[in-house]
C-alpha atoms as a PDB file:
ATOM      1  CA  MET A   1       7.134 -12.097  16.180  1.00  0.00           C
ATOM      2  CA  GLU A   2       9.273  -9.736  14.108  1.00  0.00           C
ATOM      3  CA  ILE A   3       9.699 -11.102  10.579  1.00  0.00           C
ATOM      4  CA  SER A   4      12.785  -9.718   8.877  1.00  0.00           C
ATOM      5  CA  ARG A   5      14.172 -12.800   7.091  1.00  0.00           C
ATOM      6  CA  VAL A   6      11.962 -14.913   4.833  1.00  0.00           C
ATOM      7  CA  GLY A   7      12.777 -18.205   3.166  1.00  0.00           C
ATOM      8  CA  VAL A   8      11.195 -19.130  -0.168  1.00  0.00           C
ATOM      9  CA  VAL A   9      11.430 -22.762  -1.249  1.00  0.00           C
ATOM     10  CA  GLY A  10      11.017 -23.143  -4.998  1.00  0.00           C
ATOM     11  CA  LEU A  11      11.859 -20.203  -7.247  1.00  0.00           C
ATOM     12  CA  GLY A  12       9.703 -20.883 -10.269  1.00  0.00           C
ATOM     13  CA  THR A  13       7.213 -18.301 -11.498  1.00  0.00           C
ATOM     14  CA  MET A  14       5.314 -18.106  -8.217  1.00  0.00           C
ATOM     15  CA  GLY A  15       8.281 -18.460  -5.891  1.00  0.00           C
ATOM     16  CA  ALA A  16      10.319 -15.801  -7.691  1.00  0.00           C
ATOM     17  CA  GLY A  17       7.319 -13.477  -7.619  1.00  0.00           C
ATOM     18  CA  ILE A  18       6.830 -13.998  -3.888  1.00  0.00           C
ATOM     19  CA  ALA A  19      10.546 -13.425  -3.286  1.00  0.00           C
ATOM     20  CA  GLN A  20      10.369 -10.189  -5.288  1.00  0.00           C
ATOM     21  CA  VAL A  21       7.417  -8.915  -3.241  1.00  0.00           C
ATOM     22  CA  CYS A  22       9.297  -9.643  -0.010  1.00  0.00           C
ATOM     23  CA  LEU A  23      12.468  -7.943  -1.278  1.00  0.00           C
ATOM     24  CA  GLN A  24      10.527  -4.844  -2.276  1.00  0.00           C
ATOM     25  CA  ALA A  25       9.033  -4.746   1.229  1.00  0.00           C
ATOM     26  CA  GLY A  26      12.569  -4.429   2.640  1.00  0.00           C
ATOM     27  CA  LEU A  27      12.920  -8.016   3.854  1.00  0.00           C
ATOM     28  CA  GLU A  28      15.915 -10.322   3.551  1.00  0.00           C
ATOM     29  CA  VAL A  29      15.091 -13.351   1.413  1.00  0.00           C
ATOM     30  CA  VAL A  30      16.784 -16.742   1.283  1.00  0.00           C
ATOM     31  CA  GLY A  31      15.667 -18.460  -1.906  1.00  0.00           C
ATOM     32  CA  ARG A  32      16.210 -22.184  -2.175  1.00  0.00           C
ATOM     33  CA  GLU A  33      16.277 -24.070  -5.477  1.00  0.00           C
ATOM     34  CA  VAL A  34      17.418 -27.565  -6.311  1.00  0.00           C
ATOM     35  CA  SER A  35      20.299 -26.331  -8.493  1.00  0.00           C
ATOM     36  CA  PRO A  36      22.420 -23.161  -8.708  1.00  0.00           C
ATOM     37  CA  GLU A  37      21.335 -22.729 -12.334  1.00  0.00           C
ATOM     38  CA  LEU A  38      17.637 -22.564 -11.423  1.00  0.00           C
ATOM     39  CA  GLY A  39      18.456 -20.133  -8.621  1.00  0.00           C
ATOM     40  CA  GLU A  40      20.336 -17.827 -10.962  1.00  0.00           C
ATOM     41  CA  ARG A  41      17.518 -18.018 -13.476  1.00  0.00           C
ATOM     42  CA  ALA A  42      15.154 -16.800 -10.751  1.00  0.00           C
ATOM     43  CA  ARG A  43      17.551 -13.994  -9.807  1.00  0.00           C
ATOM     44  CA  GLY A  44      17.577 -12.932 -13.451  1.00  0.00           C
ATOM     45  CA  ARG A  45      13.768 -12.942 -13.563  1.00  0.00           C
ATOM     46  CA  ILE A  46      13.570 -10.797 -10.427  1.00  0.00           C
ATOM     47  CA  ASP A  47      16.246  -8.447 -11.772  1.00  0.00           C
ATOM     48  CA  HIS A  48      14.289  -8.114 -15.027  1.00  0.00           C
ATOM     49  CA  TYR A  49      11.041  -7.139 -13.345  1.00  0.00           C
ATOM     50  CA  LEU A  50      12.729  -4.781 -10.894  1.00  0.00           C
ATOM     51  CA  THR A  51      14.455  -3.105 -13.839  1.00  0.00           C
ATOM     52  CA  ARG A  52      11.079  -2.619 -15.474  1.00  0.00           C
ATOM     53  CA  GLY A  53       9.912  -1.039 -12.229  1.00  0.00           C
ATOM     54  CA  VAL A  54      12.800   1.426 -12.389  1.00  0.00           C
ATOM     55  CA  GLU A  55      11.972   2.233 -16.027  1.00  0.00           C
ATOM     56  CA  LYS A  56       8.370   2.927 -15.056  1.00  0.00           C
ATOM     57  CA  GLU A  57       9.562   5.011 -12.074  1.00  0.00           C
ATOM     58  CA  ARG A  58       7.903   2.747  -9.521  1.00  0.00           C
ATOM     59  CA  LEU A  59      11.221   2.468  -7.658  1.00  0.00           C
ATOM     60  CA  THR A  60      14.659   4.030  -7.917  1.00  0.00           C
ATOM     61  CA  GLN A  61      17.841   2.366  -9.143  1.00  0.00           C
ATOM     62  CA  ASP A  62      19.220   2.482  -5.588  1.00  0.00           C
ATOM     63  CA  GLU A  63      16.087   0.736  -4.265  1.00  0.00           C
ATOM     64  CA  LYS A  64      16.405  -1.941  -6.928  1.00  0.00           C
ATOM     65  CA  ASP A  65      20.100  -2.532  -6.153  1.00  0.00           C
ATOM     66  CA  ALA A  66      19.388  -2.711  -2.425  1.00  0.00           C
ATOM     67  CA  ALA A  67      16.586  -5.214  -2.992  1.00  0.00           C
ATOM     68  CA  LEU A  68      18.836  -7.545  -4.994  1.00  0.00           C
ATOM     69  CA  ARG A  69      21.522  -7.349  -2.298  1.00  0.00           C
ATOM     70  CA  ARG A  70      18.972  -8.700   0.179  1.00  0.00           C
ATOM     71  CA  LEU A  71      18.522 -11.864  -1.920  1.00  0.00           C
ATOM     72  CA  GLU A  72      20.563 -14.909  -0.945  1.00  0.00           C
ATOM     73  CA  LEU A  73      20.397 -18.067  -3.059  1.00  0.00           C
ATOM     74  CA  THR A  74      21.035 -21.585  -1.843  1.00  0.00           C
ATOM     75  CA  THR A  75      20.458 -25.230  -2.692  1.00  0.00           C
ATOM     76  CA  GLU A  76      20.478 -26.271   0.980  1.00  0.00           C
ATOM     77  CA  LEU A  77      17.393 -26.325   3.202  1.00  0.00           C
ATOM     78  CA  GLY A  78      19.723 -25.858   6.166  1.00  0.00           C
ATOM     79  CA  ASP A  79      20.398 -22.266   5.081  1.00  0.00           C
ATOM     80  CA  LEU A  80      16.780 -21.431   5.955  1.00  0.00           C
ATOM     81  CA  ALA A  81      17.321 -22.254   9.629  1.00  0.00           C
ATOM     82  CA  TRP A  82      17.302 -18.632  10.816  1.00  0.00           C
ATOM     83  CA  CYS A  83      14.299 -17.435   8.851  1.00  0.00           C
ATOM     84  CA  GLN A  84      11.290 -16.334  10.866  1.00  0.00           C
ATOM     85  CA  LEU A  85       8.965 -17.393   8.039  1.00  0.00           C
ATOM     86  CA  VAL A  86       9.442 -19.958   5.267  1.00  0.00           C
ATOM     87  CA  ILE A  87       7.067 -19.983   2.287  1.00  0.00           C
ATOM     88  CA  GLU A  88       6.998 -23.142   0.190  1.00  0.00           C
ATOM     89  CA  ALA A  89       6.229 -22.689  -3.523  1.00  0.00           C
ATOM     90  CA  ALA A  90       7.270 -26.083  -4.866  1.00  0.00           C
ATOM     91  CA  PHE A  91       5.533 -28.379  -7.361  1.00  0.00           C
ATOM     92  CA  GLU A  92       1.856 -29.027  -6.580  1.00  0.00           C
ATOM     93  CA  ASP A  93       2.206 -32.575  -5.298  1.00  0.00           C
ATOM     94  CA  VAL A  94       1.139 -33.357  -1.758  1.00  0.00           C
ATOM     95  CA  ASP A  95       3.877 -35.972  -1.214  1.00  0.00           C
ATOM     96  CA  VAL A  96       6.573 -33.549  -2.403  1.00  0.00           C
ATOM     97  CA  LYS A  97       5.256 -30.866  -0.081  1.00  0.00           C
ATOM     98  CA  ARG A  98       4.906 -33.181   2.931  1.00  0.00           C
ATOM     99  CA  GLU A  99       8.507 -34.300   2.488  1.00  0.00           C
ATOM    100  CA  LEU A 100       9.666 -30.682   2.254  1.00  0.00           C
ATOM    101  CA  PHE A 101       7.724 -29.683   5.356  1.00  0.00           C
ATOM    102  CA  ALA A 102       9.082 -32.619   7.322  1.00  0.00           C
ATOM    103  CA  GLY A 103      12.571 -31.424   6.423  1.00  0.00           C
ATOM    104  CA  LEU A 104      11.791 -27.803   7.238  1.00  0.00           C
ATOM    105  CA  ASP A 105      10.217 -28.826  10.552  1.00  0.00           C
ATOM    106  CA  SER A 106      13.474 -30.432  11.646  1.00  0.00           C
ATOM    107  CA  ILE A 107      15.660 -27.556  10.422  1.00  0.00           C
ATOM    108  CA  VAL A 108      13.728 -24.345  11.144  1.00  0.00           C
ATOM    109  CA  PRO A 109      13.066 -24.092  14.880  1.00  0.00           C
ATOM    110  CA  PRO A 110       9.816 -22.762  16.377  1.00  0.00           C
ATOM    111  CA  PRO A 111       8.358 -20.205  16.675  1.00  0.00           C
ATOM    112  CA  ALA A 112       9.173 -19.673  12.981  1.00  0.00           C
ATOM    113  CA  ILE A 113       6.125 -20.022  10.721  1.00  0.00           C
ATOM    114  CA  LEU A 114       5.967 -22.594   7.922  1.00  0.00           C
ATOM    115  CA  ALA A 115       3.648 -21.562   5.074  1.00  0.00           C
ATOM    116  CA  THR A 116       2.570 -23.196   1.841  1.00  0.00           C
ATOM    117  CA  ASN A 117       1.528 -21.363  -1.304  1.00  0.00           C
ATOM    118  CA  THR A 118      -0.579 -24.297  -2.524  1.00  0.00           C
ATOM    119  CA  SER A 119      -3.586 -23.294  -4.593  1.00  0.00           C
ATOM    120  CA  ALA A 120      -5.593 -26.506  -4.405  1.00  0.00           C
ATOM    121  CA  LEU A 121      -4.036 -29.060  -2.044  1.00  0.00           C
ATOM    122  CA  SER A 122      -5.030 -29.584   1.572  1.00  0.00           C
ATOM    123  CA  VAL A 123      -2.907 -27.470   3.920  1.00  0.00           C
ATOM    124  CA  THR A 124      -3.869 -29.891   6.702  1.00  0.00           C
ATOM    125  CA  GLN A 125      -2.409 -32.850   4.803  1.00  0.00           C
ATOM    126  CA  ILE A 126       0.787 -30.901   4.226  1.00  0.00           C
ATOM    127  CA  ALA A 127       0.959 -29.897   7.897  1.00  0.00           C
ATOM    128  CA  ASP A 128       0.483 -33.524   8.960  1.00  0.00           C
ATOM    129  CA  GLY A 129       3.998 -34.176   7.673  1.00  0.00           C
ATOM    130  CA  THR A 130       5.381 -32.118  10.575  1.00  0.00           C
ATOM    131  CA  ALA A 131       5.638 -32.580  14.328  1.00  0.00           C
ATOM    132  CA  THR A 132       4.426 -28.993  14.844  1.00  0.00           C
ATOM    133  CA  PRO A 133       1.287 -28.581  12.679  1.00  0.00           C
ATOM    134  CA  GLU A 134       0.181 -25.630  14.805  1.00  0.00           C
ATOM    135  CA  ARG A 135       2.771 -23.414  13.067  1.00  0.00           C
ATOM    136  CA  VAL A 136       1.718 -24.345   9.520  1.00  0.00           C
ATOM    137  CA  VAL A 137      -0.527 -21.988   7.560  1.00  0.00           C
ATOM    138  CA  GLY A 138      -1.495 -21.371   3.944  1.00  0.00           C
ATOM    139  CA  LEU A 139      -0.327 -18.175   2.229  1.00  0.00           C
ATOM    140  CA  HIS A 140      -1.819 -18.438  -1.248  1.00  0.00           C
ATOM    141  CA  PHE A 141      -0.486 -15.654  -3.453  1.00  0.00           C
ATOM    142  CA  PHE A 142      -1.948 -15.159  -6.913  1.00  0.00           C
ATOM    143  CA  ASN A 143      -0.041 -15.049 -10.187  1.00  0.00           C
ATOM    144  CA  PRO A 144       1.650 -12.702 -10.943  1.00  0.00           C
ATOM    145  CA  ALA A 145       2.460 -12.221  -7.268  1.00  0.00           C
ATOM    146  CA  PRO A 146       4.052  -8.748  -7.641  1.00  0.00           C
ATOM    147  CA  VAL A 147       0.891  -7.469  -9.379  1.00  0.00           C
ATOM    148  CA  LEU A 148      -2.189  -9.153  -7.918  1.00  0.00           C
ATOM    149  CA  PRO A 149      -2.990  -7.921  -4.409  1.00  0.00           C
ATOM    150  CA  LEU A 150      -4.899 -10.912  -3.018  1.00  0.00           C
ATOM    151  CA  VAL A 151      -3.418 -13.390  -0.536  1.00  0.00           C
ATOM    152  CA  GLU A 152      -5.634 -16.138   0.894  1.00  0.00           C
ATOM    153  CA  VAL A 153      -4.504 -16.836   4.469  1.00  0.00           C
ATOM    154  CA  VAL A 154      -5.566 -20.408   5.154  1.00  0.00           C
ATOM    155  CA  ARG A 155      -6.168 -21.764   8.643  1.00  0.00           C
ATOM    156  CA  THR A 156      -6.190 -25.490   9.384  1.00  0.00           C
ATOM    157  CA  ALA A 157      -7.792 -27.054  12.446  1.00  0.00           C
ATOM    158  CA  HIS A 158      -4.296 -27.111  14.016  1.00  0.00           C
ATOM    159  CA  THR A 159      -3.065 -23.601  13.128  1.00  0.00           C
ATOM    160  CA  SER A 160      -2.589 -21.530  16.270  1.00  0.00           C
ATOM    161  CA  ASP A 161      -4.257 -18.132  16.536  1.00  0.00           C
ATOM    162  CA  ALA A 162      -0.858 -16.482  16.984  1.00  0.00           C
ATOM    163  CA  VAL A 163       0.503 -18.035  13.784  1.00  0.00           C
ATOM    164  CA  PHE A 164      -2.596 -17.158  11.771  1.00  0.00           C
ATOM    165  CA  ASP A 165      -2.590 -13.555  13.032  1.00  0.00           C
ATOM    166  CA  ALA A 166       1.132 -13.195  12.277  1.00  0.00           C
ATOM    167  CA  ALA A 167       0.686 -14.568   8.743  1.00  0.00           C
ATOM    168  CA  TYR A 168      -2.254 -12.232   8.112  1.00  0.00           C
ATOM    169  CA  ALA A 169      -0.263  -9.229   9.376  1.00  0.00           C
ATOM    170  CA  PHE A 170       2.686 -10.289   7.224  1.00  0.00           C
ATOM    171  CA  ALA A 171       0.538 -10.209   4.080  1.00  0.00           C
ATOM    172  CA  GLN A 172      -0.661  -6.731   5.049  1.00  0.00           C
ATOM    173  CA  ARG A 173       2.938  -5.627   5.564  1.00  0.00           C
ATOM    174  CA  LEU A 174       3.674  -6.668   1.975  1.00  0.00           C
ATOM    175  CA  GLY A 175       0.940  -4.286   0.829  1.00  0.00           C
ATOM    176  CA  LYS A 176      -1.384  -7.165  -0.045  1.00  0.00           C
ATOM    177  CA  GLU A 177      -5.102  -7.654   0.573  1.00  0.00           C
ATOM    178  CA  PRO A 178      -5.348 -10.755   2.780  1.00  0.00           C
ATOM    179  CA  VAL A 179      -8.581 -12.685   3.240  1.00  0.00           C
ATOM    180  CA  ALA A 180      -9.110 -15.243   5.981  1.00  0.00           C
ATOM    181  CA  CYS A 181     -10.319 -18.678   4.972  1.00  0.00           C
ATOM    182  CA  ASN A 182     -10.409 -22.218   6.258  1.00  0.00           C
ATOM    183  CA  ASP A 183      -8.755 -25.272   4.753  1.00  0.00           C
ATOM    184  CA  THR A 184     -11.515 -26.366   2.399  1.00  0.00           C
ATOM    185  CA  PRO A 185     -11.043 -27.550  -1.215  1.00  0.00           C
ATOM    186  CA  GLY A 186     -10.110 -24.600  -3.426  1.00  0.00           C
ATOM    187  CA  PHE A 187     -10.274 -22.152  -0.499  1.00  0.00           C
ATOM    188  CA  ILE A 188     -12.346 -19.192  -1.780  1.00  0.00           C
ATOM    189  CA  VAL A 189     -11.231 -18.059  -5.229  1.00  0.00           C
ATOM    190  CA  ASN A 190     -10.536 -21.403  -6.893  1.00  0.00           C
ATOM    191  CA  ARG A 191     -13.689 -22.945  -5.443  1.00  0.00           C
ATOM    192  CA  ILE A 192     -15.620 -20.273  -7.360  1.00  0.00           C
ATOM    193  CA  LEU A 193     -13.340 -19.586 -10.322  1.00  0.00           C
ATOM    194  CA  ILE A 194     -12.275 -23.030 -11.537  1.00  0.00           C
ATOM    195  CA  PRO A 195     -15.750 -24.418 -12.309  1.00  0.00           C
ATOM    196  CA  LEU A 196     -16.677 -21.067 -13.856  1.00  0.00           C
ATOM    197  CA  LEU A 197     -13.639 -21.107 -16.159  1.00  0.00           C
ATOM    198  CA  ASN A 198     -14.364 -24.726 -17.045  1.00  0.00           C
ATOM    199  CA  ASP A 199     -17.918 -23.735 -18.018  1.00  0.00           C
ATOM    200  CA  CYS A 200     -16.512 -20.985 -20.254  1.00  0.00           C
ATOM    201  CA  VAL A 201     -14.240 -23.485 -22.021  1.00  0.00           C
ATOM    202  CA  ARG A 202     -17.100 -25.956 -22.545  1.00  0.00           C
ATOM    203  CA  VAL A 203     -19.148 -23.182 -24.145  1.00  0.00           C
ATOM    204  CA  LEU A 204     -16.511 -22.923 -26.906  1.00  0.00           C
ATOM    205  CA  ASP A 205     -17.506 -26.317 -28.263  1.00  0.00           C
ATOM    206  CA  GLU A 206     -21.126 -26.484 -27.148  1.00  0.00           C
ATOM    207  CA  ALA A 207     -22.011 -23.069 -28.632  1.00  0.00           C
ATOM    208  CA  ARG A 208     -19.403 -23.255 -31.427  1.00  0.00           C
ATOM    209  CA  VAL A 209     -17.871 -19.864 -30.642  1.00  0.00           C
ATOM    210  CA  SER A 210     -14.287 -18.621 -30.709  1.00  0.00           C
ATOM    211  CA  PRO A 211     -12.074 -17.890 -27.675  1.00  0.00           C
ATOM    212  CA  ASP A 212     -12.023 -14.232 -28.678  1.00  0.00           C
ATOM    213  CA  ASP A 213     -15.836 -14.053 -28.755  1.00  0.00           C
ATOM    214  CA  VAL A 214     -16.139 -15.716 -25.342  1.00  0.00           C
ATOM    215  CA  ASP A 215     -13.503 -13.384 -23.924  1.00  0.00           C
ATOM    216  CA  ARG A 216     -15.113 -10.262 -25.363  1.00  0.00           C
ATOM    217  CA  ALA A 217     -18.536 -11.431 -24.171  1.00  0.00           C
ATOM    218  CA  MET A 218     -17.321 -11.727 -20.570  1.00  0.00           C
ATOM    219  CA  ARG A 219     -15.281  -8.508 -20.733  1.00  0.00           C
ATOM    220  CA  PHE A 220     -18.013  -6.330 -22.171  1.00  0.00           C
ATOM    221  CA  GLY A 221     -21.058  -8.181 -20.843  1.00  0.00           C
ATOM    222  CA  ALA A 222     -19.899  -9.067 -17.329  1.00  0.00           C
ATOM    223  CA  ASN A 223     -17.208  -6.372 -16.950  1.00  0.00           C
ATOM    224  CA  TRP A 224     -14.396  -8.890 -16.446  1.00  0.00           C
ATOM    225  CA  PRO A 225     -11.009  -7.165 -16.780  1.00  0.00           C
ATOM    226  CA  ILE A 226      -9.668 -10.172 -18.744  1.00  0.00           C
ATOM    227  CA  GLY A 227     -11.523 -12.866 -20.652  1.00  0.00           C
ATOM    228  CA  PRO A 228     -11.625 -16.473 -19.363  1.00  0.00           C
ATOM    229  CA  CYS A 229      -9.516 -17.930 -22.194  1.00  0.00           C
ATOM    230  CA  ALA A 230      -6.866 -15.229 -21.823  1.00  0.00           C
ATOM    231  CA  LEU A 231      -6.927 -15.804 -18.059  1.00  0.00           C
ATOM    232  CA  ILE A 232      -6.310 -19.539 -18.431  1.00  0.00           C
ATOM    233  CA  ASP A 233      -3.424 -18.727 -20.792  1.00  0.00           C
ATOM    234  CA  LEU A 234      -2.001 -16.430 -18.098  1.00  0.00           C
ATOM    235  CA  ILE A 235      -2.451 -18.979 -15.301  1.00  0.00           C
ATOM    236  CA  GLY A 236      -1.084 -21.811 -17.440  1.00  0.00           C
ATOM    237  CA  VAL A 237      -3.242 -24.578 -18.905  1.00  0.00           C
ATOM    238  CA  ASP A 238      -1.295 -27.220 -16.964  1.00  0.00           C
ATOM    239  CA  VAL A 239      -1.696 -25.331 -13.683  1.00  0.00           C
ATOM    240  CA  HIS A 240      -5.435 -24.937 -14.258  1.00  0.00           C
ATOM    241  CA  VAL A 241      -5.842 -28.606 -15.192  1.00  0.00           C
ATOM    242  CA  HIS A 242      -3.967 -29.712 -12.076  1.00  0.00           C
ATOM    243  CA  ALA A 243      -6.124 -27.529  -9.817  1.00  0.00           C
ATOM    244  CA  SER A 244      -9.287 -28.749 -11.570  1.00  0.00           C
ATOM    245  CA  GLU A 245      -8.305 -32.378 -11.067  1.00  0.00           C
ATOM    246  CA  ALA A 246      -7.538 -31.753  -7.392  1.00  0.00           C
ATOM    247  CA  LEU A 247     -10.911 -30.089  -6.808  1.00  0.00           C
ATOM    248  CA  HIS A 248     -12.764 -32.748  -8.761  1.00  0.00           C
ATOM    249  CA  GLY A 249     -11.048 -35.431  -6.720  1.00  0.00           C
ATOM    250  CA  ALA A 250     -11.941 -33.685  -3.464  1.00  0.00           C
ATOM    251  CA  LEU A 251     -15.532 -32.722  -4.268  1.00  0.00           C
ATOM    252  CA  GLY A 252     -16.644 -35.050  -7.063  1.00  0.00           C
ATOM    253  CA  GLU A 253     -18.576 -32.277  -8.831  1.00  0.00           C
ATOM    254  CA  GLU A 254     -18.532 -32.641 -12.624  1.00  0.00           C
ATOM    255  CA  ARG A 255     -18.046 -28.902 -13.196  1.00  0.00           C
ATOM    256  CA  MET A 256     -14.725 -29.160 -11.372  1.00  0.00           C
ATOM    257  CA  ALA A 257     -13.297 -31.690 -13.857  1.00  0.00           C
ATOM    258  CA  PRO A 258     -11.057 -30.186 -16.573  1.00  0.00           C
ATOM    259  CA  PRO A 259     -12.755 -30.042 -19.999  1.00  0.00           C
ATOM    260  CA  GLN A 260     -11.441 -32.338 -22.708  1.00  0.00           C
ATOM    261  CA  ARG A 261     -10.226 -29.358 -24.741  1.00  0.00           C
ATOM    262  CA  LEU A 262      -7.871 -28.318 -21.929  1.00  0.00           C
ATOM    263  CA  LEU A 263      -6.569 -31.868 -21.531  1.00  0.00           C
ATOM    264  CA  GLU A 264      -5.788 -31.967 -25.251  1.00  0.00           C
ATOM    265  CA  MET A 265      -4.064 -28.563 -25.109  1.00  0.00           C
ATOM    266  CA  GLN A 266      -1.938 -29.812 -22.210  1.00  0.00           C
ATOM    267  CA  ARG A 267      -1.013 -32.975 -24.136  1.00  0.00           C
ATOM    268  CA  GLN A 268       0.097 -30.868 -27.111  1.00  0.00           C
ATOM    269  CA  GLY A 269       2.160 -28.549 -24.908  1.00  0.00           C
ATOM    270  CA  HIS A 270      -0.067 -25.544 -25.631  1.00  0.00           C
ATOM    271  CA  LEU A 271       0.119 -24.218 -22.084  1.00  0.00           C
ATOM    272  CA  GLY A 272      -0.552 -20.514 -22.649  1.00  0.00           C
ATOM    273  CA  ARG A 273       1.779 -17.567 -22.317  1.00  0.00           C
ATOM    274  CA  LYS A 274       4.694 -19.543 -20.911  1.00  0.00           C
ATOM    275  CA  SER A 275       4.822 -21.880 -23.940  1.00  0.00           C
ATOM    276  CA  GLY A 276       3.986 -19.245 -26.554  1.00  0.00           C
ATOM    277  CA  ARG A 277       0.670 -20.811 -27.462  1.00  0.00           C
ATOM    278  CA  GLY A 278      -2.593 -21.562 -25.688  1.00  0.00           C
ATOM    279  CA  PHE A 279      -5.947 -20.239 -26.791  1.00  0.00           C
ATOM    280  CA  TYR A 280      -3.869 -17.446 -28.335  1.00  0.00           C
ATOM    281  CA  GLU A 281      -0.304 -17.132 -29.631  1.00  0.00           C
ATOM    282  CA  TYR A 282       2.368 -15.129 -27.815  1.00  0.00           C
ATOM    283  CA  ASP A 283       5.898 -13.924 -28.392  1.00  0.00           C
ATOM    284  CA  THR A 284       8.238 -15.842 -26.053  1.00  0.00           C
END
């Protein structure tokens, strides 16, 4: 199936990043948000990062202008009806996503593909909200989507081979590095990374060391490109806590549970880069 028009539902940090990647690949994008104001905020974010790309000579001004012309904003799910692929990037709540997919299933006719960008929820549970679960697949982009190359392409027990192959090829077309995985808790990266990051946070209190020392230890001792505390700040403390809780609920392993320090940071609103303060302080 030729994919030339992509819908993105939810234009927060991840959704806007996914939309930007699709625009830069020459695709038409219909971005749906719940209000015009949130849609325009996302357009401004995409414009900002494309402008930075022009300044760094990664694309020309004409390419940037053409990309923005391919972006259509809407508050109506019905405007996604003629997309060949719809990627959902809404709030990480399985009931919210199931309701969205039920709506999309009735609006976007087959053989269009319905994809979720969930990082920790069951793609199968989300697909069960539709009458056509065979066309539902996971496309888990990583934050920031325009920068990080990995996309986990997640197959459920119902996903057809044709849909999975088309989703995998789509990620390649975007210039990404897709990996095939099955619908298991945390897929590949989060299954490995979340308990590891949680261990790093627990070391702060157990070994009485600073975030900077832990980060420099992992950067210079394990050759990590970014330290674990700085990485959690980049991901967002709230996002990490939510994924940890989902994995802990699914697997019951204590290492999956979010450390108390992260829960306290979330309660105080110290969410990392996006709030201006996490383990470190940032200019917002």
